[in-house]
Amino acid sequence: MDRAEALNVLHEILEECKESVIMNSVSLDNLPNSGTSKGYQIKISCALDSASRQCIEPILKKHKLLLKESEGFVIIQSM
């Protein structure tokens, strides 16, 4: 996803899930050119529970994005 799309997705998550997700930090990281992912990923320092996952899932489906969790971070990027 490009930078503008990453920002739009982040704003959607913040708007829809403001009560469900407590974010400690957020970054838009530029990805090196690889075969499947180009552009930016959203990296959020937070812990997801079932309510926050349910809140984020429709946004991910709408934008065709993947969510990964690693070392206390939630990483959202293109499929």
C-alpha atoms as a PDB file:
ATOM      1  CA  MET A   1       0.000   0.000   0.000  1.00  0.00           C
ATOM      2  CA  ASP A   2       1.252   3.473  -0.660  1.00  0.00           C
ATOM      3  CA  ARG A   3       1.711   6.148   2.010  1.00  0.00           C
ATOM      4  CA  ALA A   4      -1.676   7.810   1.429  1.00  0.00           C
ATOM      5  CA  GLU A   5      -3.517   4.488   1.690  1.00  0.00           C
ATOM      6  CA  ALA A   6      -1.572   3.581   4.849  1.00  0.00           C
ATOM      7  CA  LEU A   7      -2.585   6.893   6.438  1.00  0.00           C
ATOM      8  CA  ASN A   8      -6.229   6.379   5.426  1.00  0.00           C
ATOM      9  CA  VAL A   9      -6.257   2.889   6.927  1.00  0.00           C
ATOM     10  CA  LEU A  10      -4.672   4.168  10.129  1.00  0.00           C
ATOM     11  CA  HIS A  11      -7.296   6.923  10.401  1.00  0.00           C
ATOM     12  CA  GLU A  12     -10.077   4.375   9.853  1.00  0.00           C
ATOM     13  CA  ILE A  13      -8.688   2.161  12.605  1.00  0.00           C
ATOM     14  CA  LEU A  14      -8.400   5.111  14.975  1.00  0.00           C
ATOM     15  CA  GLU A  15     -11.951   6.249  14.211  1.00  0.00           C
ATOM     16  CA  GLU A  16     -13.640   2.844  14.372  1.00  0.00           C
ATOM     17  CA  CYS A  17     -11.652   1.329  17.214  1.00  0.00           C
ATOM     18  CA  LYS A  18     -10.896   4.286  19.468  1.00  0.00           C
ATOM     19  CA  GLU A  19     -12.324   2.527  22.526  1.00  0.00           C
ATOM     20  CA  SER A  20     -10.979  -0.934  21.701  1.00  0.00           C
ATOM     21  CA  VAL A  21      -7.308  -0.375  20.850  1.00  0.00           C
ATOM     22  CA  ILE A  22      -4.818   1.440  23.064  1.00  0.00           C
ATOM     23  CA  MET A  23      -1.800   2.326  20.934  1.00  0.00           C
ATOM     24  CA  ASN A  24       1.533   3.119  22.563  1.00  0.00           C
ATOM     25  CA  SER A  25       3.224   4.094  19.299  1.00  0.00           C
ATOM     26  CA  VAL A  26       2.527   4.029  15.575  1.00  0.00           C
ATOM     27  CA  SER A  27       4.858   4.188  12.596  1.00  0.00           C
ATOM     28  CA  LEU A  28       4.556   3.971   8.833  1.00  0.00           C
ATOM     29  CA  ASP A  29       7.544   1.956   7.694  1.00  0.00           C
ATOM     30  CA  ASN A  30       8.788   1.946   4.129  1.00  0.00           C
ATOM     31  CA  LEU A  31       9.185  -1.614   2.862  1.00  0.00           C
ATOM     32  CA  PRO A  32      12.076  -2.656   0.675  1.00  0.00           C
ATOM     33  CA  ASN A  33      10.916  -3.757  -2.774  1.00  0.00           C
ATOM     34  CA  SER A  34      10.049  -7.408  -2.436  1.00  0.00           C
ATOM     35  CA  GLY A  35       7.989  -9.735  -4.571  1.00  0.00           C
ATOM     36  CA  THR A  36       4.642  -9.315  -2.801  1.00  0.00           C
ATOM     37  CA  SER A  37       4.692  -6.204  -0.622  1.00  0.00           C
ATOM     38  CA  LYS A  38       5.453  -2.721  -1.900  1.00  0.00           C
ATOM     39  CA  GLY A  39       5.264   0.642  -0.262  1.00  0.00           C
ATOM     40  CA  TYR A  40       4.409   1.029   3.406  1.00  0.00           C
ATOM     41  CA  GLN A  41       3.317  -1.013   6.361  1.00  0.00           C
ATOM     42  CA  ILE A  42       1.634   0.218   9.534  1.00  0.00           C
ATOM     43  CA  LYS A  43       3.420  -0.815  12.733  1.00  0.00           C
ATOM     44  CA  ILE A  44       1.500  -0.323  15.985  1.00  0.00           C
ATOM     45  CA  SER A  45       2.760  -1.017  19.486  1.00  0.00           C
ATOM     46  CA  CYS A  46      -0.315  -2.507  21.176  1.00  0.00           C
ATOM     47  CA  ALA A  47      -1.943  -5.706  22.369  1.00  0.00           C
ATOM     48  CA  LEU A  48      -5.102  -6.906  20.649  1.00  0.00           C
ATOM     49  CA  ASP A  49      -7.932  -8.659  22.422  1.00  0.00           C
ATOM     50  CA  SER A  50     -10.955 -10.273  20.781  1.00  0.00           C
ATOM     51  CA  ALA A  51     -12.968  -7.010  20.735  1.00  0.00           C
ATOM     52  CA  SER A  52     -10.181  -5.045  19.063  1.00  0.00           C
ATOM     53  CA  ARG A  53      -9.621  -7.838  16.520  1.00  0.00           C
ATOM     54  CA  GLN A  54     -13.333  -7.767  15.625  1.00  0.00           C
ATOM     55  CA  CYS A  55     -13.112  -4.011  15.214  1.00  0.00           C
ATOM     56  CA  ILE A  56     -10.069  -4.117  12.914  1.00  0.00           C
ATOM     57  CA  GLU A  57     -11.071  -7.146  10.805  1.00  0.00           C
ATOM     58  CA  PRO A  58     -13.644  -5.361   8.542  1.00  0.00           C
ATOM     59  CA  ILE A  59     -11.099  -2.614   7.781  1.00  0.00           C
ATOM     60  CA  LEU A  60      -8.483  -5.201   6.831  1.00  0.00           C
ATOM     61  CA  LYS A  61     -10.948  -7.016   4.558  1.00  0.00           C
ATOM     62  CA  LYS A  62     -12.099  -3.773   2.929  1.00  0.00           C
ATOM     63  CA  HIS A  63      -8.518  -2.811   2.012  1.00  0.00           C
ATOM     64  CA  LYS A  64      -7.280  -6.403   1.429  1.00  0.00           C
ATOM     65  CA  LEU A  65      -4.608  -6.195   4.110  1.00  0.00           C
ATOM     66  CA  LEU A  66      -2.821  -8.707   6.335  1.00  0.00           C
ATOM     67  CA  LEU A  67      -2.298  -8.381  10.069  1.00  0.00           C
ATOM     68  CA  LYS A  68       0.715  -9.947  11.795  1.00  0.00           C
ATOM     69  CA  GLU A  69       1.764  -9.781  15.414  1.00  0.00           C
ATOM     70  CA  SER A  70       5.425  -9.789  16.391  1.00  0.00           C
ATOM     71  CA  GLU A  71       7.220  -8.861  19.619  1.00  0.00           C
ATOM     72  CA  GLY A  72       4.481  -6.595  20.975  1.00  0.00           C
ATOM     73  CA  PHE A  73       3.725  -4.992  17.617  1.00  0.00           C
ATOM     74  CA  VAL A  74       0.799  -5.305  15.245  1.00  0.00           C
ATOM     75  CA  ILE A  75       1.950  -5.033  11.645  1.00  0.00           C
ATOM     76  CA  ILE A  76      -0.534  -4.279   8.871  1.00  0.00           C
ATOM     77  CA  GLN A  77       0.533  -4.579   5.249  1.00  0.00           C
ATOM     78  CA  SER A  78      -0.704  -5.458   1.772  1.00  0.00           C
ATOM     79  CA  MET A  79      -1.402  -9.086   0.889  1.00  0.00           C
END
